[in-house]
């Protein structure tokens, strides 16, 4: 058996390809309670999803604390909006 990370990476690549091939004009993916995620490997995969998400898709992250993601990089690129309440 291969390690879980390579399997998760393959699954993520398949998800990104499926989203890119989707006929949807625009789609939204919502991840709620992101503050509950404790595994660093999952956060790395999420960073990869953010980086490679097709343009017709929007990713909404709902969390009570700032996640350890590369959000600053996306803010500079004007690819992210952060709302703090």
Protein backbone atom coordinates (compact mmCIF):
# COMPACT_ATOMS: atom_id res chain seq x y z
CA UNK A 1 0.00 0.00 0.00
CA UNK A 2 1.15 3.52 -0.74
CA UNK A 3 1.19 6.22 1.87
CA UNK A 4 -1.98 8.23 2.49
CA UNK A 5 -0.46 11.48 1.36
CA UNK A 6 0.22 10.30 -2.18
CA UNK A 7 -3.31 8.89 -2.34
CA UNK A 8 -4.73 12.19 -1.09
CA UNK A 9 -2.59 14.10 -3.60
CA UNK A 10 -3.91 11.94 -6.43
CA UNK A 11 -7.48 12.46 -5.23
CA UNK A 12 -6.90 16.21 -5.09
CA UNK A 13 -5.47 16.20 -8.63
CA UNK A 14 -8.54 14.29 -9.83
CA UNK A 15 -10.83 16.77 -8.06
CA UNK A 16 -9.05 19.75 -9.64
CA UNK A 17 -9.24 18.12 -13.08
CA UNK A 18 -12.95 17.38 -12.64
CA UNK A 19 -13.62 20.97 -11.58
CA UNK A 20 -11.67 22.28 -14.58
CA UNK A 21 -13.65 20.05 -16.94
CA UNK A 22 -16.99 20.95 -15.39
CA UNK A 23 -19.50 22.69 -17.62
CA UNK A 24 -20.58 24.94 -14.73
CA UNK A 25 -20.23 28.62 -15.57
CA UNK A 26 -19.42 29.33 -11.93
CA UNK A 27 -19.29 27.15 -8.84
CA UNK A 28 -18.76 27.68 -5.14
CA UNK A 29 -17.12 25.24 -2.70
CA UNK A 30 -17.75 26.02 0.97
CA UNK A 31 -15.61 24.56 3.75
CA UNK A 32 -17.11 25.34 7.16
CA UNK A 33 -15.47 25.05 10.59
CA UNK A 34 -11.96 25.00 9.11
CA UNK A 35 -10.62 25.80 12.60
CA UNK A 36 -11.36 22.16 13.51
CA UNK A 37 -8.74 20.87 11.05
CA UNK A 38 -5.67 19.76 12.98
CA UNK A 39 -3.70 17.76 10.43
CA UNK A 40 -0.91 19.70 8.73
CA UNK A 41 -1.07 17.42 5.68
CA UNK A 42 -4.69 18.41 5.08
CA UNK A 43 -3.79 22.09 5.26
CA UNK A 44 -1.02 21.52 2.70
CA UNK A 45 -3.58 19.90 0.39
CA UNK A 46 -5.93 22.83 0.93
CA UNK A 47 -3.16 25.27 0.01
CA UNK A 48 -2.64 23.26 -3.18
CA UNK A 49 -6.36 23.39 -3.94
CA UNK A 50 -6.35 27.16 -3.49
CA UNK A 51 -3.33 27.48 -5.77
CA UNK A 52 -4.75 25.31 -8.54
CA UNK A 53 -8.48 26.00 -8.29
CA UNK A 54 -9.90 26.68 -11.77
CA UNK A 55 -10.96 30.30 -12.36
CA UNK A 56 -14.68 29.52 -12.61
CA UNK A 57 -14.69 28.18 -9.04
CA UNK A 58 -14.79 30.12 -5.77
CA UNK A 59 -13.60 28.63 -2.50
CA UNK A 60 -15.20 29.95 0.71
CA UNK A 61 -13.49 29.10 3.99
CA UNK A 62 -15.37 29.60 7.24
CA UNK A 63 -13.26 29.52 10.39
CA UNK A 64 -13.04 31.08 13.84
CA UNK A 65 -9.27 31.59 13.67
CA UNK A 66 -6.96 32.48 10.81
CA UNK A 67 -5.87 29.22 9.21
CA UNK A 68 -2.17 28.50 8.62
CA UNK A 69 -2.54 28.89 4.85
CA UNK A 70 -0.74 31.06 2.33
CA UNK A 71 -3.58 33.61 2.35
CA UNK A 72 -1.20 36.58 2.28
CA UNK A 73 0.10 35.40 -1.09
CA UNK A 74 -3.48 35.28 -2.45
CA UNK A 75 -4.33 38.72 -1.03
CA UNK A 76 -1.34 40.19 -2.85
CA UNK A 77 -2.49 38.52 -6.05
CA UNK A 78 -6.05 39.86 -5.43
CA UNK A 79 -7.31 36.31 -5.57
CA UNK A 80 -8.66 36.25 -2.02
CA UNK A 81 -10.96 38.30 0.13
CA UNK A 82 -10.77 37.98 3.89
CA UNK A 83 -13.66 39.13 6.07
CA UNK A 84 -13.06 39.20 9.82
CA UNK A 85 -16.04 39.58 12.11
